[in-house]
Amino acid sequence: MPTPAPDPDLQPIDDVLPTRVADLRLLICGINPGVASARTNRHYAGPGNRFWPALSASGLVPHPVGPDDQHLLPGWGIGMTNLVARPSARAAEVTAAELRAGGERLLAFVAQHRPVVTAVLGVTTFRIAFGQPTAQRGPQPDRPDLWVLDNPSGLNAHTSVTALATALAAAGRAAGLDPAR
């Protein structure tokens, strides 16, 4: 399937990172920006996305947070990026070639920014991006610093906010963050 023509109104969004590399404990990697995120330059800004409620419930942040609070994350050792910069209405619009290129880009990004743990949000996406068709949730056997968590999109509603929060808390603990703040 060819890559859809870019929508000039939708721009890639900025990564959220601490100013000092040493302060990055947990890097959260989404698939690609959705329309609401591209319009606001805020990660997981779509109204049906469950990322922010899950992060708030994880204990990794000291109070409930939403897209407008993403600037606070670096102070808590958390960063954000995406596999693919191109925004789309649905992650299903991202091609396998884009995901594979995004996987390569993410590995270079991780080598440069050195997070303790990188959590990729999307099991199927991870499998395609990294050519690991049997990858399971959690830390990867060959790369314990690379975790796979469920996609928090409202379209992936079979995974509860509580389950997402539990998985984020586990990744945060592995990164040395204190989920009991």
Protein backbone atom coordinates (compact mmCIF):
# COMPACT_ATOMS: atom_id res chain seq x y z
CA MET A 1 0.00 0.00 0.00
CA PRO A 2 1.50 3.39 -0.94
CA THR A 3 2.08 6.01 1.71
CA PRO A 4 -0.85 8.47 1.71
CA ALA A 5 -0.09 12.01 0.59
CA PRO A 6 0.78 14.22 3.57
CA ASP A 7 -1.89 16.56 4.87
CA PRO A 8 -0.28 20.03 4.93
CA ASP A 9 -2.26 20.90 8.07
CA LEU A 10 -0.80 17.97 10.01
CA GLN A 11 2.79 18.29 11.10
CA PRO A 12 5.04 15.90 13.05
CA ILE A 13 5.14 16.63 16.75
CA ASP A 14 8.11 17.40 18.96
CA ASP A 15 9.81 14.78 21.08
CA VAL A 16 9.60 15.38 24.83
CA LEU A 17 12.99 14.87 26.46
CA PRO A 18 14.95 16.00 29.51
CA THR A 19 17.65 18.53 28.74
CA ARG A 20 20.30 16.22 30.22
CA VAL A 21 20.68 12.74 28.71
CA ALA A 22 21.44 11.31 32.15
CA ASP A 23 17.96 12.31 33.36
CA LEU A 24 16.07 10.11 30.83
CA ARG A 25 14.94 6.96 32.61
CA LEU A 26 11.84 5.87 30.67
CA LEU A 27 11.30 6.65 26.98
CA ILE A 28 7.75 6.08 25.81
CA CYS A 29 7.50 5.45 22.09
CA GLY A 30 4.18 5.68 20.30
CA ILE A 31 3.37 4.54 16.78
CA ASN A 32 2.79 7.92 15.13
CA PRO A 33 0.94 11.14 15.96
CA GLY A 34 -2.80 11.16 15.53
CA VAL A 35 -4.71 14.10 14.11
CA ALA A 36 -5.37 15.75 17.50
CA SER A 37 -1.71 15.35 18.46
CA ALA A 38 -0.52 16.85 15.17
CA ARG A 39 -2.85 19.82 15.57
CA THR A 40 -1.80 20.53 19.16
CA ASN A 41 1.82 19.28 19.24
CA ARG A 42 0.80 17.10 22.21
CA HIS A 43 1.38 13.34 22.46
CA TYR A 44 -1.74 11.18 22.88
CA ALA A 45 -4.05 14.18 22.55
CA GLY A 46 -6.98 12.30 20.98
CA PRO A 47 -10.07 12.31 23.20
CA GLY A 48 -10.40 8.51 23.15
CA ASN A 49 -6.77 7.77 23.90
CA ARG A 50 -6.20 6.18 27.29
CA PHE A 51 -2.48 6.93 27.66
CA TRP A 52 -2.81 9.87 30.05
CA PRO A 53 -5.35 8.17 32.38
CA ALA A 54 -3.07 5.10 32.45
CA LEU A 55 0.04 7.16 33.17
CA SER A 56 -1.85 9.04 35.90
CA ALA A 57 -2.94 5.73 37.47
CA SER A 58 0.54 4.15 37.16
CA GLY A 59 2.02 6.03 40.10
CA LEU A 60 4.93 7.21 37.95
CA VAL A 61 3.71 10.80 38.16
CA PRO A 62 2.77 12.60 41.40
CA HIS A 63 -0.65 13.82 40.21
CA PRO A 64 -3.08 13.26 37.33
CA VAL A 65 -1.73 14.51 34.00
CA GLY A 66 -2.99 15.10 30.48
CA PRO A 67 -1.60 16.18 27.12
CA ASP A 68 -1.11 19.78 28.25
CA ASP A 69 1.18 18.50 31.03
CA GLN A 70 3.65 16.66 28.79
CA HIS A 71 6.27 19.33 29.52
CA LEU A 72 6.35 18.04 33.13
CA LEU A 73 7.41 14.51 32.17
CA PRO A 74 11.15 15.20 31.70
CA GLY A 75 11.34 16.40 35.30
CA TRP A 76 10.13 12.94 36.34
CA GLY A 77 12.63 11.13 34.09
CA ILE A 78 10.12 10.36 31.33
CA GLY A 79 10.49 11.16 27.63
CA MET A 80 8.27 10.66 24.59
CA THR A 81 8.81 10.00 20.89
CA ASN A 82 7.17 8.11 18.01
CA LEU A 83 8.32 5.39 15.64
CA VAL A 84 6.94 7.30 12.66
CA ALA A 85 6.80 11.10 12.51
CA ARG A 86 4.04 11.29 9.88
CA PRO A 87 0.65 12.00 11.46
CA SER A 88 -2.41 10.04 10.40
CA ALA A 89 -6.02 9.61 11.45
CA ARG A 90 -5.38 5.95 12.34
CA ALA A 91 -2.20 4.03 13.10
CA ALA A 92 -3.37 1.45 10.53
CA GLU A 93 -2.50 4.01 7.83
CA VAL A 94 1.20 3.64 8.67
CA THR A 95 2.93 1.26 6.26
CA ALA A 96 5.13 -1.69 7.21
CA ALA A 97 8.05 0.04 5.45
CA GLU A 98 7.51 3.16 7.60
CA LEU A 99 7.44 1.01 10.74
CA ARG A 100 10.66 -0.81 9.82
CA ALA A 101 12.38 2.52 9.11
CA GLY A 102 10.97 3.81 12.41
CA GLY A 103 12.42 0.83 14.25
CA GLU A 104 15.86 1.61 12.85
CA ARG A 105 15.44 5.28 13.75
CA LEU A 106 14.33 4.39 17.26
CA LEU A 107 17.40 2.22 17.88
CA ALA A 108 19.64 5.10 16.78
CA PHE A 109 17.60 7.50 18.97
CA VAL A 110 18.00 5.16 21.97
CA ALA A 111 21.76 4.90 21.36
CA GLN A 112 21.99 8.70 21.34
CA HIS A 113 19.67 9.49 24.28
CA ARG A 114 20.40 6.37 26.39
CA PRO A 115 17.15 5.85 28.30
CA VAL A 116 17.29 3.06 30.87
CA VAL A 117 14.07 1.56 29.41
CA THR A 118 12.29 2.22 26.14
CA ALA A 119 8.63 1.20 26.05
CA VAL A 120 7.09 0.80 22.59
CA LEU A 121 3.30 1.11 22.80
CA GLY A 122 1.79 -1.35 20.35
CA VAL A 123 2.48 -5.08 20.19
CA THR A 124 1.71 -5.60 16.49
CA THR A 125 3.58 -2.43 15.62
CA PHE A 126 6.65 -3.62 17.53
CA ARG A 127 6.55 -6.99 15.79
CA ILE A 128 6.59 -5.32 12.37
CA ALA A 129 9.05 -2.54 13.21
CA PHE A 130 11.64 -4.91 14.64
CA GLY A 131 10.96 -7.99 12.53
CA GLN A 132 10.01 -10.04 15.59
CA PRO A 133 6.69 -11.70 14.74
CA THR A 134 6.47 -13.57 18.05
CA ALA A 135 7.47 -10.71 20.39
CA GLN A 136 5.45 -10.66 23.60
CA ARG A 137 4.48 -7.89 26.02
CA GLY A 138 7.09 -6.84 28.56
CA PRO A 139 10.88 -6.71 28.33
CA GLN A 140 12.38 -8.42 25.30
CA PRO A 141 14.63 -11.41 26.02
CA ASP A 142 17.45 -10.14 23.80
CA ARG A 143 17.07 -6.50 24.94
CA PRO A 144 15.78 -6.17 28.53
CA ASP A 145 15.90 -2.37 28.09
CA LEU A 146 13.32 -2.62 25.28
CA TRP A 147 9.74 -3.24 26.41
CA VAL A 148 6.54 -3.83 24.50
CA LEU A 149 3.28 -2.53 25.98
CA ASP A 150 -0.23 -2.40 24.58
CA ASN A 151 -1.35 0.50 22.42
CA PRO A 152 -3.45 2.90 24.56
CA SER A 153 -5.67 3.94 21.65
CA GLY A 154 -9.38 3.81 22.33
CA LEU A 155 -9.55 1.51 19.29
CA ASN A 156 -7.61 -1.04 21.37
CA ALA A 157 -10.20 -1.06 24.14
CA HIS A 158 -9.73 -4.75 25.02
CA THR A 159 -6.87 -3.61 27.26
CA SER A 160 -8.14 -1.73 30.32
CA VAL A 161 -6.69 1.50 31.68
CA THR A 162 -5.77 -0.48 34.81
CA ALA A 163 -3.80 -3.03 32.77
CA LEU A 164 -2.08 -0.23 30.85
CA ALA A 165 -1.22 1.52 34.13
CA THR A 166 0.19 -1.70 35.60
CA ALA A 167 2.38 -2.24 32.54
CA LEU A 168 3.62 1.37 32.59
CA ALA A 169 4.41 1.04 36.31
CA ALA A 170 6.43 -2.15 35.66
CA ALA A 171 8.41 -0.48 32.87
CA GLY A 172 8.97 2.53 35.13
CA ARG A 173 10.23 0.35 37.97
CA ALA A 174 12.65 -1.36 35.55
CA ALA A 175 13.84 2.12 34.58
CA GLY A 176 14.47 3.02 38.21
CA LEU A 177 11.43 5.25 38.63
CA ASP A 178 9.42 5.02 41.84
CA PRO A 179 5.78 4.16 41.10
CA ALA A 180 4.86 5.00 44.68
CA ARG A 181 5.71 8.71 44.48
